[in-house]
Amino acid sequence: MYGGVMATPTLLPLSDVSAEECCSLAAAPIEPAQAARSAAMFKALADPMRLRVLSHVAAQGCDAVCACDLTEGLGISQPTISHHLKKLVEAGLLTREQRGRWAHYTVVPEAFAQLRGLLEIG
């Protein structure tokens, strides 16, 4: 449930994939430490507002985004933005750099490469 409305998941069409091509999620089972790190990243991404915050930061490419620029675009308060940014930083998905009064955030491409590699099938 999101915002008082039951969200219906949208399923994407599956391509024709043979059983041989779809045999595992990764080359080998992941170690407990990697599983814990990946689960923390997925948990951070499981929040709809965090996905929106992340998409706003990622839309800037390699440029850092000031937290002050996110409140208006997302329509939420500064404390709420700060909370979500903190969770994304703790999960290793964003980095934070203090510049004077404001914090600036950038995406950690390696974190997404790790998640992409874990989810790759085939």
PDB file of N, CA and C in Angstrom:
ATOM      1  N   MET A   1       0.851  -1.165   0.000  1.00  0.00           N
ATOM      2  CA  MET A   1       0.000   0.000   0.000  1.00  0.00           C
ATOM      3  C   MET A   1       0.898   1.229   0.000  1.00  0.00           C
ATOM      4  N   TYR A   2       0.587   2.184  -0.833  1.00  0.00           N
ATOM      5  CA  TYR A   2       1.366   3.413  -0.933  1.00  0.00           C
ATOM      6  C   TYR A   2       0.408   4.577  -0.996  1.00  0.00           C
ATOM      7  N   GLY A   3       0.552   5.501  -0.044  1.00  0.00           N
ATOM      8  CA  GLY A   3      -0.298   6.679  -0.041  1.00  0.00           C
ATOM      9  C   GLY A   3      -1.776   6.349   0.092  1.00  0.00           C
ATOM     10  N   GLY A   4      -2.101   5.241   0.829  1.00  0.00           N
ATOM     11  CA  GLY A   4      -3.481   4.868   1.026  1.00  0.00           C
ATOM     12  C   GLY A   4      -4.095   4.117  -0.136  1.00  0.00           C
ATOM     13  N   VAL A   5      -3.328   3.881  -1.178  1.00  0.00           N
ATOM     14  CA  VAL A   5      -3.839   3.181  -2.365  1.00  0.00           C
ATOM     15  C   VAL A   5      -3.028   1.909  -2.553  1.00  0.00           C
ATOM     16  N   MET A   6      -3.722   0.820  -2.741  1.00  0.00           N
ATOM     17  CA  MET A   6      -3.038  -0.449  -2.964  1.00  0.00           C
ATOM     18  C   MET A   6      -2.372  -0.406  -4.335  1.00  0.00           C
ATOM     19  N   ALA A   7      -1.060  -0.555  -4.347  1.00  0.00           N
ATOM     20  CA  ALA A   7      -0.322  -0.519  -5.607  1.00  0.00           C
ATOM     21  C   ALA A   7      -0.378  -1.886  -6.268  1.00  0.00           C
ATOM     22  N   THR A   8      -0.682  -1.914  -7.533  1.00  0.00           N
ATOM     23  CA  THR A   8      -0.692  -3.142  -8.308  1.00  0.00           C
ATOM     24  C   THR A   8       0.612  -3.216  -9.083  1.00  0.00           C
ATOM     25  N   PRO A   9       1.405  -4.270  -8.833  1.00  0.00           N
ATOM     26  CA  PRO A   9       2.666  -4.355  -9.554  1.00  0.00           C
ATOM     27  C   PRO A   9       2.444  -4.536 -11.048  1.00  0.00           C
ATOM     28  N   THR A  10       3.302  -3.904 -11.820  1.00  0.00           N
ATOM     29  CA  THR A  10       3.246  -4.042 -13.265  1.00  0.00           C
ATOM     30  C   THR A  10       4.307  -5.058 -13.666  1.00  0.00           C
ATOM     31  N   LEU A  11       3.889  -6.125 -14.291  1.00  0.00           N
ATOM     32  CA  LEU A  11       4.832  -7.146 -14.725  1.00  0.00           C
ATOM     33  C   LEU A  11       5.272  -6.843 -16.145  1.00  0.00           C
ATOM     34  N   LEU A  12       6.574  -6.894 -16.327  1.00  0.00           N
ATOM     35  CA  LEU A  12       7.124  -6.671 -17.653  1.00  0.00           C
ATOM     36  C   LEU A  12       7.054  -7.965 -18.451  1.00  0.00           C
ATOM     37  N   PRO A  13       6.881  -7.884 -19.757  1.00  0.00           N
ATOM     38  CA  PRO A  13       6.835  -9.100 -20.558  1.00  0.00           C
ATOM     39  C   PRO A  13       8.181  -9.808 -20.529  1.00  0.00           C
ATOM     40  N   LEU A  14       8.129 -11.119 -20.474  1.00  0.00           N
ATOM     41  CA  LEU A  14       9.347 -11.917 -20.473  1.00  0.00           C
ATOM     42  C   LEU A  14       9.706 -12.284 -21.899  1.00  0.00           C
ATOM     43  N   SER A  15      10.988 -12.229 -22.187  1.00  0.00           N
ATOM     44  CA  SER A  15      11.426 -12.645 -23.517  1.00  0.00           C
ATOM     45  C   SER A  15      11.533 -14.156 -23.542  1.00  0.00           C
ATOM     46  N   ASP A  16      11.615 -14.704 -24.721  1.00  0.00           N
ATOM     47  CA  ASP A  16      11.759 -16.143 -24.856  1.00  0.00           C
ATOM     48  C   ASP A  16      13.174 -16.536 -24.450  1.00  0.00           C
ATOM     49  N   VAL A  17      13.290 -17.201 -23.313  1.00  0.00           N
ATOM     50  CA  VAL A  17      14.583 -17.618 -22.790  1.00  0.00           C
ATOM     51  C   VAL A  17      14.496 -19.110 -22.509  1.00  0.00           C
ATOM     52  N   SER A  18      15.477 -19.851 -22.980  1.00  0.00           N
ATOM     53  CA  SER A  18      15.481 -21.282 -22.736  1.00  0.00           C
ATOM     54  C   SER A  18      15.907 -21.572 -21.302  1.00  0.00           C
ATOM     55  N   ALA A  19      15.623 -22.770 -20.818  1.00  0.00           N
ATOM     56  CA  ALA A  19      15.997 -23.165 -19.467  1.00  0.00           C
ATOM     57  C   ALA A  19      17.513 -23.135 -19.287  1.00  0.00           C
ATOM     58  N   GLU A  20      18.255 -23.437 -20.338  1.00  0.00           N
ATOM     59  CA  GLU A  20      19.715 -23.424 -20.259  1.00  0.00           C
ATOM     60  C   GLU A  20      20.243 -22.018 -20.009  1.00  0.00           C
ATOM     61  N   GLU A  21      19.618 -21.014 -20.612  1.00  0.00           N
ATOM     62  CA  GLU A  21      20.075 -19.642 -20.471  1.00  0.00           C
ATOM     63  C   GLU A  21      19.707 -19.047 -19.121  1.00  0.00           C
ATOM     64  N   CYS A  22      18.780 -19.654 -18.414  1.00  0.00           N
ATOM     65  CA  CYS A  22      18.257 -19.104 -17.179  1.00  0.00           C
ATOM     66  C   CYS A  22      18.563 -20.039 -16.011  1.00  0.00           C
ATOM     67  N   CYS A  23      19.826 -20.340 -15.814  1.00  0.00           N
ATOM     68  CA  CYS A  23      20.144 -21.362 -14.824  1.00  0.00           C
ATOM     69  C   CYS A  23      20.603 -20.815 -13.479  1.00  0.00           C
ATOM     70  N   SER A  24      21.088 -19.565 -13.393  1.00  0.00           N
ATOM     71  CA  SER A  24      21.554 -19.056 -12.112  1.00  0.00           C
ATOM     72  C   SER A  24      21.546 -17.540 -12.094  1.00  0.00           C
ATOM     73  N   LEU A  25      21.609 -16.973 -10.910  1.00  0.00           N
ATOM     74  CA  LEU A  25      21.665 -15.527 -10.768  1.00  0.00           C
ATOM     75  C   LEU A  25      23.079 -15.001 -10.868  1.00  0.00           C
ATOM     76  N   ALA A  26      24.044 -15.821 -10.596  1.00  0.00           N
ATOM     77  CA  ALA A  26      25.437 -15.387 -10.637  1.00  0.00           C
ATOM     78  C   ALA A  26      26.314 -16.580 -10.981  1.00  0.00           C
ATOM     79  N   ALA A  27      27.578 -16.303 -11.202  1.00  0.00           N
ATOM     80  CA  ALA A  27      28.522 -17.363 -11.552  1.00  0.00           C
ATOM     81  C   ALA A  27      28.685 -18.366 -10.411  1.00  0.00           C
ATOM     82  N   ALA A  28      28.539 -17.904  -9.175  1.00  0.00           N
ATOM     83  CA  ALA A  28      28.689 -18.773  -8.006  1.00  0.00           C
ATOM     84  C   ALA A  28      27.838 -18.197  -6.877  1.00  0.00           C
ATOM     85  N   PRO A  29      27.501 -19.003  -5.892  1.00  0.00           N
ATOM     86  CA  PRO A  29      26.745 -18.479  -4.744  1.00  0.00           C
ATOM     87  C   PRO A  29      27.533 -17.354  -4.062  1.00  0.00           C
ATOM     88  N   ILE A  30      26.809 -16.343  -3.594  1.00  0.00           N
ATOM     89  CA  ILE A  30      27.497 -15.221  -2.963  1.00  0.00           C
ATOM     90  C   ILE A  30      27.791 -15.527  -1.494  1.00  0.00           C
ATOM     91  N   GLU A  31      28.827 -14.908  -1.006  1.00  0.00           N
ATOM     92  CA  GLU A  31      29.254 -15.069   0.383  1.00  0.00           C
ATOM     93  C   GLU A  31      28.306 -14.295   1.303  1.00  0.00           C
ATOM     94  N   PRO A  32      28.251 -14.669   2.586  1.00  0.00           N
ATOM     95  CA  PRO A  32      27.355 -13.987   3.527  1.00  0.00           C
ATOM     96  C   PRO A  32      27.574 -12.475   3.614  1.00  0.00           C
ATOM     97  N   ALA A  33      28.808 -12.021   3.600  1.00  0.00           N
ATOM     98  CA  ALA A  33      29.071 -10.578   3.705  1.00  0.00           C
ATOM     99  C   ALA A  33      28.543  -9.836   2.484  1.00  0.00           C
ATOM    100  N   GLN A  34      28.750 -10.400   1.305  1.00  0.00           N
ATOM    101  CA  GLN A  34      28.242  -9.766   0.085  1.00  0.00           C
ATOM    102  C   GLN A  34      26.719  -9.789   0.073  1.00  0.00           C
ATOM    103  N   ALA A  35      26.130 -10.884   0.545  1.00  0.00           N
ATOM    104  CA  ALA A  35      24.665 -10.975   0.613  1.00  0.00           C
ATOM    105  C   ALA A  35      24.116  -9.892   1.538  1.00  0.00           C
ATOM    106  N   ALA A  36      24.781  -9.654   2.668  1.00  0.00           N
ATOM    107  CA  ALA A  36      24.328  -8.629   3.613  1.00  0.00           C
ATOM    108  C   ALA A  36      24.433  -7.238   2.994  1.00  0.00           C
ATOM    109  N   ARG A  37      25.546  -6.948   2.301  1.00  0.00           N
ATOM    110  CA  ARG A  37      25.715  -5.634   1.648  1.00  0.00           C
ATOM    111  C   ARG A  37      24.661  -5.429   0.567  1.00  0.00           C
ATOM    112  N   SER A  38      24.456  -6.449  -0.231  1.00  0.00           N
ATOM    113  CA  SER A  38      23.469  -6.342  -1.322  1.00  0.00           C
ATOM    114  C   SER A  38      22.059  -6.189  -0.769  1.00  0.00           C
ATOM    115  N   ALA A  39      21.730  -6.925   0.280  1.00  0.00           N
ATOM    116  CA  ALA A  39      20.404  -6.820   0.887  1.00  0.00           C
ATOM    117  C   ALA A  39      20.173  -5.416   1.436  1.00  0.00           C
ATOM    118  N   ALA A  40      21.204  -4.808   2.030  1.00  0.00           N
ATOM    119  CA  ALA A  40      21.069  -3.440   2.544  1.00  0.00           C
ATOM    120  C   ALA A  40      20.793  -2.460   1.402  1.00  0.00           C
ATOM    121  N   MET A  41      21.438  -2.663   0.266  1.00  0.00           N
ATOM    122  CA  MET A  41      21.193  -1.792  -0.888  1.00  0.00           C
ATOM    123  C   MET A  41      19.770  -1.984  -1.418  1.00  0.00           C
ATOM    124  N   PHE A  42      19.347  -3.240  -1.550  1.00  0.00           N
ATOM    125  CA  PHE A  42      17.986  -3.496  -2.032  1.00  0.00           C
ATOM    126  C   PHE A  42      16.949  -2.941  -1.055  1.00  0.00           C
ATOM    127  N   LYS A  43      17.225  -3.065   0.244  1.00  0.00           N
ATOM    128  CA  LYS A  43      16.295  -2.536   1.245  1.00  0.00           C
ATOM    129  C   LYS A  43      16.159  -1.019   1.096  1.00  0.00           C
ATOM    130  N   ALA A  44      17.269  -0.338   0.885  1.00  0.00           N
ATOM    131  CA  ALA A  44      17.220   1.117   0.691  1.00  0.00           C
ATOM    132  C   ALA A  44      16.442   1.469  -0.566  1.00  0.00           C
ATOM    133  N   LEU A  45      16.568   0.667  -1.592  1.00  0.00           N
ATOM    134  CA  LEU A  45      15.882   0.928  -2.858  1.00  0.00           C
ATOM    135  C   LEU A  45      14.404   0.533  -2.827  1.00  0.00           C
ATOM    136  N   ALA A  46      13.985  -0.185  -1.800  1.00  0.00           N
ATOM    137  CA  ALA A  46      12.602  -0.678  -1.736  1.00  0.00           C
ATOM    138  C   ALA A  46      11.598   0.399  -1.344  1.00  0.00           C
ATOM    139  N   ASP A  47      12.072   1.594  -1.038  1.00  0.00           N
ATOM    140  CA  ASP A  47      11.179   2.694  -0.656  1.00  0.00           C
ATOM    141  C   ASP A  47      10.909   3.571  -1.879  1.00  0.00           C
ATOM    142  N   PRO A  48       9.651   3.812  -2.222  1.00  0.00           N
ATOM    143  CA  PRO A  48       9.331   4.608  -3.416  1.00  0.00           C
ATOM    144  C   PRO A  48       9.933   6.019  -3.390  1.00  0.00           C
ATOM    145  N   MET A  49       9.935   6.679  -2.241  1.00  0.00           N
ATOM    146  CA  MET A  49      10.496   8.030  -2.184  1.00  0.00           C
ATOM    147  C   MET A  49      12.017   7.988  -2.364  1.00  0.00           C
ATOM    148  N   ARG A  50      12.666   6.965  -1.827  1.00  0.00           N
ATOM    149  CA  ARG A  50      14.119   6.854  -2.025  1.00  0.00           C
ATOM    150  C   ARG A  50      14.451   6.624  -3.487  1.00  0.00           C
ATOM    151  N   LEU A  51      13.625   5.870  -4.182  1.00  0.00           N
ATOM    152  CA  LEU A  51      13.843   5.687  -5.620  1.00  0.00           C
ATOM    153  C   LEU A  51      13.711   7.015  -6.349  1.00  0.00           C
ATOM    154  N   ARG A  52      12.754   7.832  -5.945  1.00  0.00           N
ATOM    155  CA  ARG A  52      12.580   9.149  -6.564  1.00  0.00           C
ATOM    156  C   ARG A  52      13.774  10.046  -6.258  1.00  0.00           C
ATOM    157  N   VAL A  53      14.224  10.044  -5.000  1.00  0.00           N
ATOM    158  CA  VAL A  53      15.390  10.847  -4.618  1.00  0.00           C
ATOM    159  C   VAL A  53      16.595  10.400  -5.435  1.00  0.00           C
ATOM    160  N   LEU A  54      16.816   9.096  -5.493  1.00  0.00           N
ATOM    161  CA  LEU A  54      17.940   8.561  -6.243  1.00  0.00           C
ATOM    162  C   LEU A  54      17.861   8.929  -7.716  1.00  0.00           C
ATOM    163  N   SER A  55      16.668   8.885  -8.288  1.00  0.00           N
ATOM    164  CA  SER A  55      16.533   9.216  -9.704  1.00  0.00           C
ATOM    165  C   SER A  55      16.861  10.684  -9.959  1.00  0.00           C
ATOM    166  N   HIS A  56      16.531  11.562  -9.021  1.00  0.00           N
ATOM    167  CA  HIS A  56      16.862  12.977  -9.171  1.00  0.00           C
ATOM    168  C   HIS A  56      18.374  13.187  -9.113  1.00  0.00           C
ATOM    169  N   VAL A  57      19.042  12.468  -8.220  1.00  0.00           N
ATOM    170  CA  VAL A  57      20.501  12.586  -8.130  1.00  0.00           C
ATOM    171  C   VAL A  57      21.145  11.973  -9.367  1.00  0.00           C
ATOM    172  N   ALA A  58      20.695  10.794  -9.766  1.00  0.00           N
ATOM    173  CA  ALA A  58      21.268  10.101 -10.922  1.00  0.00           C
ATOM    174  C   ALA A  58      21.053  10.878 -12.215  1.00  0.00           C
ATOM    175  N   ALA A  59      19.971  11.636 -12.305  1.00  0.00           N
ATOM    176  CA  ALA A  59      19.683  12.417 -13.516  1.00  0.00           C
ATOM    177  C   ALA A  59      20.748  13.478 -13.774  1.00  0.00           C
ATOM    178  N   GLN A  60      21.530  13.805 -12.771  1.00  0.00           N
ATOM    179  CA  GLN A  60      22.598  14.800 -12.929  1.00  0.00           C
ATOM    180  C   GLN A  60      23.894  14.171 -13.437  1.00  0.00           C
ATOM    181  N   GLY A  61      23.878  12.863 -13.652  1.00  0.00           N
ATOM    182  CA  GLY A  61      25.075  12.179 -14.150  1.00  0.00           C
ATOM    183  C   GLY A  61      26.167  12.181 -13.100  1.00  0.00           C
ATOM    184  N   CYS A  62      27.315  12.703 -13.469  1.00  0.00           N
ATOM    185  CA  CYS A  62      28.468  12.730 -12.562  1.00  0.00           C
ATOM    186  C   CYS A  62      28.491  13.968 -11.674  1.00  0.00           C
ATOM    187  N   ASP A  63      27.587  14.895 -11.913  1.00  0.00           N
ATOM    188  CA  ASP A  63      27.563  16.120 -11.123  1.00  0.00           C
ATOM    189  C   ASP A  63      26.937  15.861  -9.754  1.00  0.00           C
ATOM    190  N   ALA A  64      27.490  16.531  -8.733  1.00  0.00           N
ATOM    191  CA  ALA A  64      26.932  16.430  -7.390  1.00  0.00           C
ATOM    192  C   ALA A  64      25.642  17.249  -7.316  1.00  0.00           C
ATOM    193  N   VAL A  65      24.716  16.776  -6.518  1.00  0.00           N
ATOM    194  CA  VAL A  65      23.434  17.448  -6.342  1.00  0.00           C
ATOM    195  C   VAL A  65      23.344  17.934  -4.899  1.00  0.00           C
ATOM    196  N   CYS A  66      22.991  19.197  -4.748  1.00  0.00           N
ATOM    197  CA  CYS A  66      22.805  19.775  -3.424  1.00  0.00           C
ATOM    198  C   CYS A  66      21.470  19.298  -2.853  1.00  0.00           C
ATOM    199  N   ALA A  67      21.494  18.936  -1.582  1.00  0.00           N
ATOM    200  CA  ALA A  67      20.258  18.517  -0.932  1.00  0.00           C
ATOM    201  C   ALA A  67      19.205  19.622  -0.998  1.00  0.00           C
ATOM    202  N   CYS A  68      19.666  20.866  -1.005  1.00  0.00           N
ATOM    203  CA  CYS A  68      18.745  22.001  -1.054  1.00  0.00           C
ATOM    204  C   CYS A  68      17.937  22.045  -2.351  1.00  0.00           C
ATOM    205  N   ASP A  69      18.448  21.434  -3.403  1.00  0.00           N
ATOM    206  CA  ASP A  69      17.753  21.446  -4.697  1.00  0.00           C
ATOM    207  C   ASP A  69      16.713  20.337  -4.823  1.00  0.00           C
ATOM    208  N   LEU A  70      16.677  19.434  -3.861  1.00  0.00           N
ATOM    209  CA  LEU A  70      15.784  18.287  -3.976  1.00  0.00           C
ATOM    210  C   LEU A  70      14.409  18.518  -3.351  1.00  0.00           C
ATOM    211  N   THR A  71      14.313  19.397  -2.380  1.00  0.00           N
ATOM    212  CA  THR A  71      13.038  19.560  -1.673  1.00  0.00           C
ATOM    213  C   THR A  71      11.921  20.027  -2.591  1.00  0.00           C
ATOM    214  N   GLU A  72      12.174  21.030  -3.394  1.00  0.00           N
ATOM    215  CA  GLU A  72      11.130  21.570  -4.259  1.00  0.00           C
ATOM    216  C   GLU A  72      10.733  20.577  -5.352  1.00  0.00           C
ATOM    217  N   GLY A  73      11.728  19.970  -5.980  1.00  0.00           N
ATOM    218  CA  GLY A  73      11.445  19.031  -7.066  1.00  0.00           C
ATOM    219  C   GLY A  73      10.670  17.807  -6.622  1.00  0.00           C
ATOM    220  N   LEU A  74      10.854  17.406  -5.359  1.00  0.00           N
ATOM    221  CA  LEU A  74      10.171  16.217  -4.854  1.00  0.00           C
ATOM    222  C   LEU A  74       8.946  16.554  -4.012  1.00  0.00           C
ATOM    223  N   GLY A  75       8.816  17.820  -3.633  1.00  0.00           N
ATOM    224  CA  GLY A  75       7.657  18.229  -2.848  1.00  0.00           C
ATOM    225  C   GLY A  75       7.640  17.688  -1.431  1.00  0.00           C
ATOM    226  N   ILE A  76       8.819  17.472  -0.840  1.00  0.00           N
ATOM    227  CA  ILE A  76       8.892  17.010   0.547  1.00  0.00           C
ATOM    228  C   ILE A  76       9.822  17.915   1.338  1.00  0.00           C
ATOM    229  N   SER A  77       9.739  17.835   2.647  1.00  0.00           N
ATOM    230  CA  SER A  77      10.487  18.741   3.519  1.00  0.00           C
ATOM    231  C   SER A  77      11.968  18.391   3.585  1.00  0.00           C
ATOM    232  N   GLN A  78      12.761  19.350   4.038  1.00  0.00           N
ATOM    233  CA  GLN A  78      14.203  19.150   4.177  1.00  0.00           C
ATOM    234  C   GLN A  78      14.530  17.992   5.133  1.00  0.00           C
ATOM    235  N   PRO A  79      13.870  17.875   6.293  1.00  0.00           N
ATOM    236  CA  PRO A  79      14.179  16.736   7.167  1.00  0.00           C
ATOM    237  C   PRO A  79      13.886  15.386   6.511  1.00  0.00           C
ATOM    238  N   THR A  80      12.830  15.327   5.718  1.00  0.00           N
ATOM    239  CA  THR A  80      12.489  14.070   5.039  1.00  0.00           C
ATOM    240  C   THR A  80      13.522  13.736   3.973  1.00  0.00           C
ATOM    241  N   ILE A  81      13.935  14.743   3.207  1.00  0.00           N
ATOM    242  CA  ILE A  81      14.995  14.540   2.199  1.00  0.00           C
ATOM    243  C   ILE A  81      16.263  14.046   2.889  1.00  0.00           C
ATOM    244  N   SER A  82      16.634  14.702   3.981  1.00  0.00           N
ATOM    245  CA  SER A  82      17.851  14.324   4.713  1.00  0.00           C
ATOM    246  C   SER A  82      17.787  12.879   5.190  1.00  0.00           C
ATOM    247  N   HIS A  83      16.634  12.469   5.681  1.00  0.00           N
ATOM    248  CA  HIS A  83      16.463  11.086   6.142  1.00  0.00           C
ATOM    249  C   HIS A  83      16.707  10.097   4.998  1.00  0.00           C
ATOM    250  N   HIS A  84      16.070  10.339   3.863  1.00  0.00           N
ATOM    251  CA  HIS A  84      16.209   9.416   2.738  1.00  0.00           C
ATOM    252  C   HIS A  84      17.626   9.425   2.170  1.00  0.00           C
ATOM    253  N   LEU A  85      18.239  10.592   2.085  1.00  0.00           N
ATOM    254  CA  LEU A  85      19.620  10.669   1.606  1.00  0.00           C
ATOM    255  C   LEU A  85      20.563   9.920   2.542  1.00  0.00           C
ATOM    256  N   LYS A  86      20.333  10.049   3.844  1.00  0.00           N
ATOM    257  CA  LYS A  86      21.167   9.342   4.823  1.00  0.00           C
ATOM    258  C   LYS A  86      21.074   7.829   4.613  1.00  0.00           C
ATOM    259  N   LYS A  87      19.872   7.329   4.403  1.00  0.00           N
ATOM    260  CA  LYS A  87      19.680   5.887   4.174  1.00  0.00           C
ATOM    261  C   LYS A  87      20.380   5.429   2.896  1.00  0.00           C
ATOM    262  N   LEU A  88      20.332   6.243   1.849  1.00  0.00           N
ATOM    263  CA  LEU A  88      20.998   5.897   0.587  1.00  0.00           C
ATOM    264  C   LEU A  88      22.517   5.923   0.728  1.00  0.00           C
ATOM    265  N   VAL A  89      23.032   6.848   1.529  1.00  0.00           N
ATOM    266  CA  VAL A  89      24.475   6.909   1.784  1.00  0.00           C
ATOM    267  C   VAL A  89      24.897   5.704   2.621  1.00  0.00           C
ATOM    268  N   GLU A  90      24.142   5.404   3.679  1.00  0.00           N
ATOM    269  CA  GLU A  90      24.462   4.254   4.535  1.00  0.00           C
ATOM    270  C   GLU A  90      24.472   2.953   3.748  1.00  0.00           C
ATOM    271  N   ALA A  91      23.616   2.850   2.752  1.00  0.00           N
ATOM    272  CA  ALA A  91      23.551   1.640   1.919  1.00  0.00           C
ATOM    273  C   ALA A  91      24.670   1.598   0.886  1.00  0.00           C
ATOM    274  N   GLY A  92      25.417   2.692   0.743  1.00  0.00           N
ATOM    275  CA  GLY A  92      26.522   2.719  -0.213  1.00  0.00           C
ATOM    276  C   GLY A  92      26.111   3.077  -1.622  1.00  0.00           C
ATOM    277  N   LEU A  93      24.894   3.613  -1.797  1.00  0.00           N
ATOM    278  CA  LEU A  93      24.408   3.949  -3.124  1.00  0.00           C
ATOM    279  C   LEU A  93      24.738   5.383  -3.530  1.00  0.00           C
ATOM    280  N   LEU A  94      24.933   6.256  -2.550  1.00  0.00           N
ATOM    281  CA  LEU A  94      25.316   7.653  -2.783  1.00  0.00           C
ATOM    282  C   LEU A  94      26.512   7.992  -1.905  1.00  0.00           C
ATOM    283  N   THR A  95      27.275   8.995  -2.337  1.00  0.00           N
ATOM    284  CA  THR A  95      28.312   9.560  -1.469  1.00  0.00           C
ATOM    285  C   THR A  95      27.874  10.963  -1.086  1.00  0.00           C
ATOM    286  N   ARG A  96      28.363  11.424   0.050  1.00  0.00           N
ATOM    287  CA  ARG A  96      28.002  12.734   0.589  1.00  0.00           C
ATOM    288  C   ARG A  96      29.258  13.564   0.762  1.00  0.00           C
ATOM    289  N   GLU A  97      29.198  14.813   0.313  1.00  0.00           N
ATOM    290  CA  GLU A  97      30.311  15.746   0.479  1.00  0.00           C
ATOM    291  C   GLU A  97      29.741  17.046   1.044  1.00  0.00           C
ATOM    292  N   GLN A  98      30.295  17.473   2.172  1.00  0.00           N
ATOM    293  CA  GLN A  98      29.846  18.719   2.785  1.00  0.00           C
ATOM    294  C   GLN A  98      30.537  19.892   2.098  1.00  0.00           C
ATOM    295  N   ARG A  99      29.748  20.848   1.625  1.00  0.00           N
ATOM    296  CA  ARG A  99      30.267  22.059   0.994  1.00  0.00           C
ATOM    297  C   ARG A  99      29.627  23.247   1.695  1.00  0.00           C
ATOM    298  N   GLY A 100      30.354  23.789   2.665  1.00  0.00           N
ATOM    299  CA  GLY A 100      29.787  24.884   3.438  1.00  0.00           C
ATOM    300  C   GLY A 100      28.600  24.394   4.233  1.00  0.00           C
ATOM    301  N   ARG A 101      27.484  25.064   4.063  1.00  0.00           N
ATOM    302  CA  ARG A 101      26.276  24.738   4.814  1.00  0.00           C
ATOM    303  C   ARG A 101      25.534  23.517   4.263  1.00  0.00           C
ATOM    304  N   TRP A 102      25.709  23.228   2.984  1.00  0.00           N
ATOM    305  CA  TRP A 102      24.917  22.188   2.337  1.00  0.00           C
ATOM    306  C   TRP A 102      25.726  20.944   1.998  1.00  0.00           C
ATOM    307  N   ALA A 103      25.041  19.817   2.030  1.00  0.00           N
ATOM    308  CA  ALA A 103      25.633  18.548   1.615  1.00  0.00           C
ATOM    309  C   ALA A 103      25.296  18.324   0.146  1.00  0.00           C
ATOM    310  N   HIS A 104      26.266  17.763  -0.571  1.00  0.00           N
ATOM    311  CA  HIS A 104      26.083  17.425  -1.989  1.00  0.00           C
ATOM    312  C   HIS A 104      26.248  15.916  -2.150  1.00  0.00           C
ATOM    313  N   TYR A 105      25.459  15.347  -3.038  1.00  0.00           N
ATOM    314  CA  TYR A 105      25.402  13.896  -3.190  1.00  0.00           C
ATOM    315  C   TYR A 105      25.680  13.480  -4.629  1.00  0.00           C
ATOM    316  N   THR A 106      26.370  12.351  -4.758  1.00  0.00           N
ATOM    317  CA  THR A 106      26.617  11.759  -6.069  1.00  0.00           C
ATOM    318  C   THR A 106      26.344  10.254  -5.994  1.00  0.00           C
ATOM    319  N   VAL A 107      26.029   9.687  -7.134  1.00  0.00           N
ATOM    320  CA  VAL A 107      25.763   8.252  -7.241  1.00  0.00           C
ATOM    321  C   VAL A 107      27.085   7.486  -7.200  1.00  0.00           C
ATOM    322  N   VAL A 108      27.054   6.287  -6.605  1.00  0.00           N
ATOM    323  CA  VAL A 108      28.210   5.390  -6.578  1.00  0.00           C
ATOM    324  C   VAL A 108      27.990   4.336  -7.668  1.00  0.00           C
ATOM    325  N   PRO A 109      28.571   4.540  -8.861  1.00  0.00           N
ATOM    326  CA  PRO A 109      28.318   3.604  -9.972  1.00  0.00           C
ATOM    327  C   PRO A 109      28.695   2.157  -9.651  1.00  0.00           C
ATOM    328  N   GLU A 110      29.740   1.959  -8.866  1.00  0.00           N
ATOM    329  CA  GLU A 110      30.188   0.598  -8.530  1.00  0.00           C
ATOM    330  C   GLU A 110      29.118  -0.174  -7.754  1.00  0.00           C
ATOM    331  N   ALA A 111      28.348   0.529  -6.933  1.00  0.00           N
ATOM    332  CA  ALA A 111      27.285  -0.135  -6.172  1.00  0.00           C
ATOM    333  C   ALA A 111      26.227  -0.698  -7.116  1.00  0.00           C
ATOM    334  N   PHE A 112      25.897   0.071  -8.139  1.00  0.00           N
ATOM    335  CA  PHE A 112      24.886  -0.394  -9.082  1.00  0.00           C
ATOM    336  C   PHE A 112      25.433  -1.477  -9.997  1.00  0.00           C
ATOM    337  N   ALA A 113      26.721  -1.435 -10.277  1.00  0.00           N
ATOM    338  CA  ALA A 113      27.350  -2.507 -11.045  1.00  0.00           C
ATOM    339  C   ALA A 113      27.286  -3.809 -10.251  1.00  0.00           C
ATOM    340  N   GLN A 114      27.498  -3.710  -8.939  1.00  0.00           N
ATOM    341  CA  GLN A 114      27.425  -4.897  -8.080  1.00  0.00           C
ATOM    342  C   GLN A 114      26.009  -5.477  -8.080  1.00  0.00           C
ATOM    343  N   LEU A 115      25.015  -4.623  -7.921  1.00  0.00           N
ATOM    344  CA  LEU A 115      23.627  -5.094  -7.924  1.00  0.00           C
ATOM    345  C   LEU A 115      23.246  -5.662  -9.287  1.00  0.00           C
ATOM    346  N   ARG A 116      23.664  -4.991 -10.346  1.00  0.00           N
ATOM    347  CA  ARG A 116      23.370  -5.469 -11.694  1.00  0.00           C
ATOM    348  C   ARG A 116      23.995  -6.846 -11.911  1.00  0.00           C
ATOM    349  N   GLY A 117      25.229  -7.041 -11.462  1.00  0.00           N
ATOM    350  CA  GLY A 117      25.898  -8.321 -11.598  1.00  0.00           C
ATOM    351  C   GLY A 117      25.207  -9.432 -10.822  1.00  0.00           C
ATOM    352  N   LEU A 118      24.684  -9.070  -9.667  1.00  0.00           N
ATOM    353  CA  LEU A 118      23.977 -10.064  -8.846  1.00  0.00           C
ATOM    354  C   LEU A 118      22.677 -10.503  -9.522  1.00  0.00           C
ATOM    355  N   LEU A 119      22.015  -9.566 -10.187  1.00  0.00           N
ATOM    356  CA  LEU A 119      20.721  -9.863 -10.810  1.00  0.00           C
ATOM    357  C   LEU A 119      20.819 -10.434 -12.220  1.00  0.00           C
ATOM    358  N   GLU A 120      22.005 -10.377 -12.799  1.00  0.00           N
ATOM    359  CA  GLU A 120      22.170 -10.888 -14.151  1.00  0.00           C
ATOM    360  C   GLU A 120      21.845 -12.361 -14.210  1.00  0.00           C
ATOM    361  N   ILE A 121      21.026 -12.702 -15.139  1.00  0.00           N
ATOM    362  CA  ILE A 121      20.646 -14.111 -15.308  1.00  0.00           C
ATOM    363  C   ILE A 121      21.238 -14.619 -16.603  1.00  0.00           C
ATOM    364  N   GLY A 122      21.843 -15.777 -16.499  1.00  0.00           N
ATOM    365  CA  GLY A 122      22.372 -16.375 -17.726  1.00  0.00           C
ATOM    366  C   GLY A 122      23.821 -16.637 -17.682  1.00  0.00           C
TER     367      GLY A 122
END
